[in-house]
Amino acid sequence: MEKRVFPVMEKKELETLRQKMVEAAELHGLEHPLVLHYSKKVDQEHNRMLRMNTKSFPSVNSLSQRKYQII
């Protein structure tokens, strides 16, 4: 199976797409197919950005192993 590589959007492009989604929602309503399309694309790109930056975030295991004291 061949892997396809998709270019990752820049933050500015993601914000532009998000703004289009908001404008479409205001014009057509939240459940309109165009709004849902934009929403899906925003989610996909946001998740892709997060996956690329996972090394900069602490792992869930490292957080659960720490002991915290509430003061």
PDB file of N, CA and C in Angstrom:
ATOM      1  N   MET A   1       0.842  -1.180   0.000  1.00  0.00           N
ATOM      2  CA  MET A   1       0.000   0.000   0.000  1.00  0.00           C
ATOM      3  C   MET A   1       0.887   1.244   0.000  1.00  0.00           C
ATOM      4  N   GLU A   2       0.587   2.155  -0.864  1.00  0.00           N
ATOM      5  CA  GLU A   2       1.371   3.374  -1.002  1.00  0.00           C
ATOM      6  C   GLU A   2       0.836   4.448  -0.062  1.00  0.00           C
ATOM      7  N   LYS A   3       1.748   5.081   0.694  1.00  0.00           N
ATOM      8  CA  LYS A   3       1.351   6.176   1.575  1.00  0.00           C
ATOM      9  C   LYS A   3       1.316   7.462   0.786  1.00  0.00           C
ATOM     10  N   ARG A   4       0.276   8.252   1.020  1.00  0.00           N
ATOM     11  CA  ARG A   4       0.180   9.556   0.369  1.00  0.00           C
ATOM     12  C   ARG A   4       0.605  10.622   1.362  1.00  0.00           C
ATOM     13  N   VAL A   5       1.351  11.574   0.897  1.00  0.00           N
ATOM     14  CA  VAL A   5       1.811  12.666   1.740  1.00  0.00           C
ATOM     15  C   VAL A   5       1.011  13.911   1.377  1.00  0.00           C
ATOM     16  N   PHE A   6       0.399  14.512   2.380  1.00  0.00           N
ATOM     17  CA  PHE A   6      -0.381  15.716   2.161  1.00  0.00           C
ATOM     18  C   PHE A   6       0.359  16.900   2.765  1.00  0.00           C
ATOM     19  N   PRO A   7       0.383  18.014   2.077  1.00  0.00           N
ATOM     20  CA  PRO A   7       1.038  19.190   2.656  1.00  0.00           C
ATOM     21  C   PRO A   7       0.270  19.668   3.879  1.00  0.00           C
ATOM     22  N   VAL A   8       0.999  20.149   4.852  1.00  0.00           N
ATOM     23  CA  VAL A   8       0.394  20.644   6.082  1.00  0.00           C
ATOM     24  C   VAL A   8       0.148  22.134   5.941  1.00  0.00           C
ATOM     25  N   MET A   9      -1.019  22.562   6.379  1.00  0.00           N
ATOM     26  CA  MET A   9      -1.362  23.983   6.323  1.00  0.00           C
ATOM     27  C   MET A   9      -0.558  24.761   7.355  1.00  0.00           C
ATOM     28  N   GLU A  10      -0.305  25.995   7.036  1.00  0.00           N
ATOM     29  CA  GLU A  10       0.273  26.906   8.001  1.00  0.00           C
ATOM     30  C   GLU A  10      -0.829  27.368   8.942  1.00  0.00           C
ATOM     31  N   LYS A  11      -0.458  27.891  10.094  1.00  0.00           N
ATOM     32  CA  LYS A  11      -1.453  28.374  11.057  1.00  0.00           C
ATOM     33  C   LYS A  11      -2.352  29.451  10.448  1.00  0.00           C
ATOM     34  N   LYS A  12      -1.756  30.314   9.628  1.00  0.00           N
ATOM     35  CA  LYS A  12      -2.546  31.381   9.003  1.00  0.00           C
ATOM     36  C   LYS A  12      -3.602  30.804   8.063  1.00  0.00           C
ATOM     37  N   GLU A  13      -3.228  29.780   7.305  1.00  0.00           N
ATOM     38  CA  GLU A  13      -4.175  29.136   6.398  1.00  0.00           C
ATOM     39  C   GLU A  13      -5.293  28.437   7.179  1.00  0.00           C
ATOM     40  N   LEU A  14      -4.925  27.823   8.297  1.00  0.00           N
ATOM     41  CA  LEU A  14      -5.921  27.161   9.137  1.00  0.00           C
ATOM     42  C   LEU A  14      -6.904  28.186   9.697  1.00  0.00           C
ATOM     43  N   GLU A  15      -6.399  29.325  10.107  1.00  0.00           N
ATOM     44  CA  GLU A  15      -7.271  30.381  10.633  1.00  0.00           C
ATOM     45  C   GLU A  15      -8.201  30.913   9.540  1.00  0.00           C
ATOM     46  N   THR A  16      -7.712  31.024   8.312  1.00  0.00           N
ATOM     47  CA  THR A  16      -8.544  31.460   7.192  1.00  0.00           C
ATOM     48  C   THR A  16      -9.660  30.455   6.934  1.00  0.00           C
ATOM     49  N   LEU A  17      -9.327  29.171   6.976  1.00  0.00           N
ATOM     50  CA  LEU A  17     -10.326  28.126   6.790  1.00  0.00           C
ATOM     51  C   LEU A  17     -11.358  28.161   7.916  1.00  0.00           C
ATOM     52  N   ARG A  18     -10.896  28.370   9.138  1.00  0.00           N
ATOM     53  CA  ARG A  18     -11.807  28.459  10.281  1.00  0.00           C
ATOM     54  C   ARG A  18     -12.755  29.640  10.119  1.00  0.00           C
ATOM     55  N   GLN A  19     -12.236  30.759   9.638  1.00  0.00           N
ATOM     56  CA  GLN A  19     -13.077  31.940   9.430  1.00  0.00           C
ATOM     57  C   GLN A  19     -14.134  31.688   8.359  1.00  0.00           C
ATOM     58  N   LYS A  20     -13.762  30.973   7.288  1.00  0.00           N
ATOM     59  CA  LYS A  20     -14.740  30.614   6.266  1.00  0.00           C
ATOM     60  C   LYS A  20     -15.850  29.764   6.859  1.00  0.00           C
ATOM     61  N   MET A  21     -15.478  28.844   7.762  1.00  0.00           N
ATOM     62  CA  MET A  21     -16.458  27.987   8.424  1.00  0.00           C
ATOM     63  C   MET A  21     -17.429  28.825   9.248  1.00  0.00           C
ATOM     64  N   VAL A  22     -16.903  29.791   9.998  1.00  0.00           N
ATOM     65  CA  VAL A  22     -17.739  30.653  10.838  1.00  0.00           C
ATOM     66  C   VAL A  22     -18.699  31.469   9.969  1.00  0.00           C
ATOM     67  N   GLU A  23     -18.187  32.029   8.892  1.00  0.00           N
ATOM     68  CA  GLU A  23     -19.031  32.824   7.998  1.00  0.00           C
ATOM     69  C   GLU A  23     -20.122  31.968   7.351  1.00  0.00           C
ATOM     70  N   ALA A  24     -19.774  30.761   6.933  1.00  0.00           N
ATOM     71  CA  ALA A  24     -20.762  29.868   6.340  1.00  0.00           C
ATOM     72  C   ALA A  24     -21.828  29.483   7.366  1.00  0.00           C
ATOM     73  N   ALA A  25     -21.415  29.298   8.621  1.00  0.00           N
ATOM     74  CA  ALA A  25     -22.369  28.951   9.683  1.00  0.00           C
ATOM     75  C   ALA A  25     -23.332  30.101   9.945  1.00  0.00           C
ATOM     76  N   GLU A  26     -22.818  31.316   9.927  1.00  0.00           N
ATOM     77  CA  GLU A  26     -23.687  32.474  10.133  1.00  0.00           C
ATOM     78  C   GLU A  26     -24.691  32.632   8.997  1.00  0.00           C
ATOM     79  N   LEU A  27     -24.259  32.297   7.790  1.00  0.00           N
ATOM     80  CA  LEU A  27     -25.107  32.467   6.611  1.00  0.00           C
ATOM     81  C   LEU A  27     -26.106  31.312   6.428  1.00  0.00           C
ATOM     82  N   HIS A  28     -25.628  30.081   6.629  1.00  0.00           N
ATOM     83  CA  HIS A  28     -26.431  28.897   6.294  1.00  0.00           C
ATOM     84  C   HIS A  28     -26.945  28.101   7.499  1.00  0.00           C
ATOM     85  N   GLY A  29     -26.367  28.321   8.677  1.00  0.00           N
ATOM     86  CA  GLY A  29     -26.728  27.512   9.848  1.00  0.00           C
ATOM     87  C   GLY A  29     -25.680  26.437  10.103  1.00  0.00           C
ATOM     88  N   LEU A  30     -25.635  25.965  11.338  1.00  0.00           N
ATOM     89  CA  LEU A  30     -24.573  25.053  11.762  1.00  0.00           C
ATOM     90  C   LEU A  30     -24.606  23.684  11.090  1.00  0.00           C
ATOM     91  N   GLU A  31     -25.753  23.228  10.662  1.00  0.00           N
ATOM     92  CA  GLU A  31     -25.850  21.877  10.103  1.00  0.00           C
ATOM     93  C   GLU A  31     -25.796  21.838   8.575  1.00  0.00           C
ATOM     94  N   HIS A  32     -25.492  22.951   7.955  1.00  0.00           N
ATOM     95  CA  HIS A  32     -25.390  22.997   6.496  1.00  0.00           C
ATOM     96  C   HIS A  32     -24.168  22.179   6.047  1.00  0.00           C
ATOM     97  N   PRO A  33     -24.278  21.438   4.933  1.00  0.00           N
ATOM     98  CA  PRO A  33     -23.165  20.611   4.452  1.00  0.00           C
ATOM     99  C   PRO A  33     -21.853  21.382   4.244  1.00  0.00           C
ATOM    100  N   LEU A  34     -21.920  22.621   3.811  1.00  0.00           N
ATOM    101  CA  LEU A  34     -20.704  23.407   3.621  1.00  0.00           C
ATOM    102  C   LEU A  34     -20.008  23.672   4.954  1.00  0.00           C
ATOM    103  N   VAL A  35     -20.791  23.986   5.976  1.00  0.00           N
ATOM    104  CA  VAL A  35     -20.233  24.228   7.309  1.00  0.00           C
ATOM    105  C   VAL A  35     -19.601  22.943   7.845  1.00  0.00           C
ATOM    106  N   LEU A  36     -20.282  21.834   7.669  1.00  0.00           N
ATOM    107  CA  LEU A  36     -19.745  20.548   8.133  1.00  0.00           C
ATOM    108  C   LEU A  36     -18.470  20.180   7.382  1.00  0.00           C
ATOM    109  N   HIS A  37     -18.416  20.507   6.101  1.00  0.00           N
ATOM    110  CA  HIS A  37     -17.203  20.261   5.308  1.00  0.00           C
ATOM    111  C   HIS A  37     -16.029  21.073   5.864  1.00  0.00           C
ATOM    112  N   TYR A  38     -16.254  22.362   6.083  1.00  0.00           N
ATOM    113  CA  TYR A  38     -15.199  23.208   6.647  1.00  0.00           C
ATOM    114  C   TYR A  38     -14.777  22.707   8.027  1.00  0.00           C
ATOM    115  N   SER A  39     -15.749  22.330   8.835  1.00  0.00           N
ATOM    116  CA  SER A  39     -15.445  21.853  10.184  1.00  0.00           C
ATOM    117  C   SER A  39     -14.559  20.610  10.143  1.00  0.00           C
ATOM    118  N   LYS A  40     -14.885  19.695   9.246  1.00  0.00           N
ATOM    119  CA  LYS A  40     -14.094  18.469   9.106  1.00  0.00           C
ATOM    120  C   LYS A  40     -12.669  18.799   8.671  1.00  0.00           C
ATOM    121  N   LYS A  41     -12.525  19.718   7.707  1.00  0.00           N
ATOM    122  CA  LYS A  41     -11.196  20.103   7.234  1.00  0.00           C
ATOM    123  C   LYS A  41     -10.382  20.785   8.338  1.00  0.00           C
ATOM    124  N   VAL A  42     -11.030  21.662   9.101  1.00  0.00           N
ATOM    125  CA  VAL A  42     -10.342  22.340  10.211  1.00  0.00           C
ATOM    126  C   VAL A  42      -9.859  21.299  11.220  1.00  0.00           C
ATOM    127  N   ASP A  43     -10.720  20.350  11.572  1.00  0.00           N
ATOM    128  CA  ASP A  43     -10.335  19.301  12.524  1.00  0.00           C
ATOM    129  C   ASP A  43      -9.171  18.473  12.005  1.00  0.00           C
ATOM    130  N   GLN A  44      -9.236  18.075  10.739  1.00  0.00           N
ATOM    131  CA  GLN A  44      -8.166  17.267  10.157  1.00  0.00           C
ATOM    132  C   GLN A  44      -6.826  17.994  10.196  1.00  0.00           C
ATOM    133  N   GLU A  45      -6.833  19.248   9.798  1.00  0.00           N
ATOM    134  CA  GLU A  45      -5.583  20.008   9.766  1.00  0.00           C
ATOM    135  C   GLU A  45      -5.059  20.283  11.175  1.00  0.00           C
ATOM    136  N   HIS A  46      -5.957  20.573  12.086  1.00  0.00           N
ATOM    137  CA  HIS A  46      -5.540  20.816  13.464  1.00  0.00           C
ATOM    138  C   HIS A  46      -4.918  19.553  14.057  1.00  0.00           C
ATOM    139  N   ASN A  47      -5.545  18.411  13.844  1.00  0.00           N
ATOM    140  CA  ASN A  47      -4.997  17.147  14.339  1.00  0.00           C
ATOM    141  C   ASN A  47      -3.653  16.834  13.702  1.00  0.00           C
ATOM    142  N   ARG A  48      -3.518  17.133  12.417  1.00  0.00           N
ATOM    143  CA  ARG A  48      -2.241  16.904  11.742  1.00  0.00           C
ATOM    144  C   ARG A  48      -1.140  17.769  12.353  1.00  0.00           C
ATOM    145  N   MET A  49      -1.472  19.024  12.644  1.00  0.00           N
ATOM    146  CA  MET A  49      -0.494  19.917  13.277  1.00  0.00           C
ATOM    147  C   MET A  49      -0.094  19.394  14.655  1.00  0.00           C
ATOM    148  N   LEU A  50      -1.074  18.918  15.398  1.00  0.00           N
ATOM    149  CA  LEU A  50      -0.779  18.387  16.732  1.00  0.00           C
ATOM    150  C   LEU A  50       0.106  17.147  16.646  1.00  0.00           C
ATOM    151  N   ARG A  51      -0.158  16.265  15.701  1.00  0.00           N
ATOM    152  CA  ARG A  51       0.673  15.067  15.543  1.00  0.00           C
ATOM    153  C   ARG A  51       2.108  15.427  15.198  1.00  0.00           C
ATOM    154  N   MET A  52       2.295  16.476  14.411  1.00  0.00           N
ATOM    155  CA  MET A  52       3.646  16.899  14.040  1.00  0.00           C
ATOM    156  C   MET A  52       4.406  17.447  15.236  1.00  0.00           C
ATOM    157  N   ASN A  53       3.689  17.988  16.204  1.00  0.00           N
ATOM    158  CA  ASN A  53       4.327  18.633  17.354  1.00  0.00           C
ATOM    159  C   ASN A  53       4.256  17.794  18.620  1.00  0.00           C
ATOM    160  N   THR A  54       3.982  16.501  18.511  1.00  0.00           N
ATOM    161  CA  THR A  54       3.819  15.689  19.716  1.00  0.00           C
ATOM    162  C   THR A  54       5.098  15.585  20.524  1.00  0.00           C
ATOM    163  N   LYS A  55       6.236  15.722  19.903  1.00  0.00           N
ATOM    164  CA  LYS A  55       7.494  15.637  20.644  1.00  0.00           C
ATOM    165  C   LYS A  55       7.668  16.813  21.592  1.00  0.00           C
ATOM    166  N   SER A  56       6.992  17.907  21.311  1.00  0.00           N
ATOM    167  CA  SER A  56       7.128  19.077  22.178  1.00  0.00           C
ATOM    168  C   SER A  56       6.166  19.022  23.367  1.00  0.00           C
ATOM    169  N   PHE A  57       5.232  18.056  23.355  1.00  0.00           N
ATOM    170  CA  PHE A  57       4.289  17.911  24.453  1.00  0.00           C
ATOM    171  C   PHE A  57       4.715  16.749  25.334  1.00  0.00           C
ATOM    172  N   PRO A  58       4.494  16.852  26.649  1.00  0.00           N
ATOM    173  CA  PRO A  58       4.813  15.709  27.513  1.00  0.00           C
ATOM    174  C   PRO A  58       3.845  14.571  27.223  1.00  0.00           C
ATOM    175  N   SER A  59       4.327  13.353  27.362  1.00  0.00           N
ATOM    176  CA  SER A  59       3.454  12.209  27.123  1.00  0.00           C
ATOM    177  C   SER A  59       2.458  12.062  28.266  1.00  0.00           C
ATOM    178  N   VAL A  60       1.368  11.399  27.996  1.00  0.00           N
ATOM    179  CA  VAL A  60       0.349  11.179  29.023  1.00  0.00           C
ATOM    180  C   VAL A  60       0.943  10.355  30.157  1.00  0.00           C
ATOM    181  N   ASN A  61       1.779   9.366  29.819  1.00  0.00           N
ATOM    182  CA  ASN A  61       2.391   8.526  30.849  1.00  0.00           C
ATOM    183  C   ASN A  61       3.286   9.333  31.778  1.00  0.00           C
ATOM    184  N   SER A  62       4.054  10.265  31.230  1.00  0.00           N
ATOM    185  CA  SER A  62       4.940  11.051  32.084  1.00  0.00           C
ATOM    186  C   SER A  62       4.143  11.946  33.021  1.00  0.00           C
ATOM    187  N   LEU A  63       2.984  12.413  32.590  1.00  0.00           N
ATOM    188  CA  LEU A  63       2.151  13.238  33.459  1.00  0.00           C
ATOM    189  C   LEU A  63       1.515  12.404  34.563  1.00  0.00           C
ATOM    190  N   SER A  64       1.087  11.193  34.232  1.00  0.00           N
ATOM    191  CA  SER A  64       0.412  10.368  35.230  1.00  0.00           C
ATOM    192  C   SER A  64       1.388   9.811  36.259  1.00  0.00           C
ATOM    193  N   GLN A  65       2.684   9.763  35.954  1.00  0.00           N
ATOM    194  CA  GLN A  65       3.673   9.240  36.882  1.00  0.00           C
ATOM    195  C   GLN A  65       4.108  10.282  37.904  1.00  0.00           C
ATOM    196  N   ARG A  66       3.831  11.527  37.654  1.00  0.00           N
ATOM    197  CA  ARG A  66       4.223  12.587  38.575  1.00  0.00           C
ATOM    198  C   ARG A  66       3.221  12.691  39.712  1.00  0.00           C
ATOM    199  N   LYS A  67       3.723  13.057  40.837  1.00  0.00           N
ATOM    200  CA  LYS A  67       2.872  13.268  42.005  1.00  0.00           C
ATOM    201  C   LYS A  67       2.664  14.762  42.164  1.00  0.00           C
ATOM    202  N   TYR A  68       1.431  15.168  42.351  1.00  0.00           N
ATOM    203  CA  TYR A  68       1.111  16.571  42.504  1.00  0.00           C
ATOM    204  C   TYR A  68       0.467  16.794  43.866  1.00  0.00           C
ATOM    205  N   GLN A  69       0.748  17.939  44.435  1.00  0.00           N
ATOM    206  CA  GLN A  69       0.154  18.303  45.711  1.00  0.00           C
ATOM    207  C   GLN A  69      -0.661  19.573  45.512  1.00  0.00           C
ATOM    208  N   ILE A  70      -1.912  19.531  45.912  1.00  0.00           N
ATOM    209  CA  ILE A  70      -2.778  20.691  45.809  1.00  0.00           C
ATOM    210  C   ILE A  70      -2.568  21.532  47.055  1.00  0.00           C
ATOM    211  N   ILE A  71      -2.286  22.796  46.828  1.00  0.00           N
ATOM    212  CA  ILE A  71      -2.017  23.704  47.956  1.00  0.00           C
ATOM    213  C   ILE A  71      -3.179  24.651  48.124  1.00  0.00           C
TER     214      ILE A  71
END
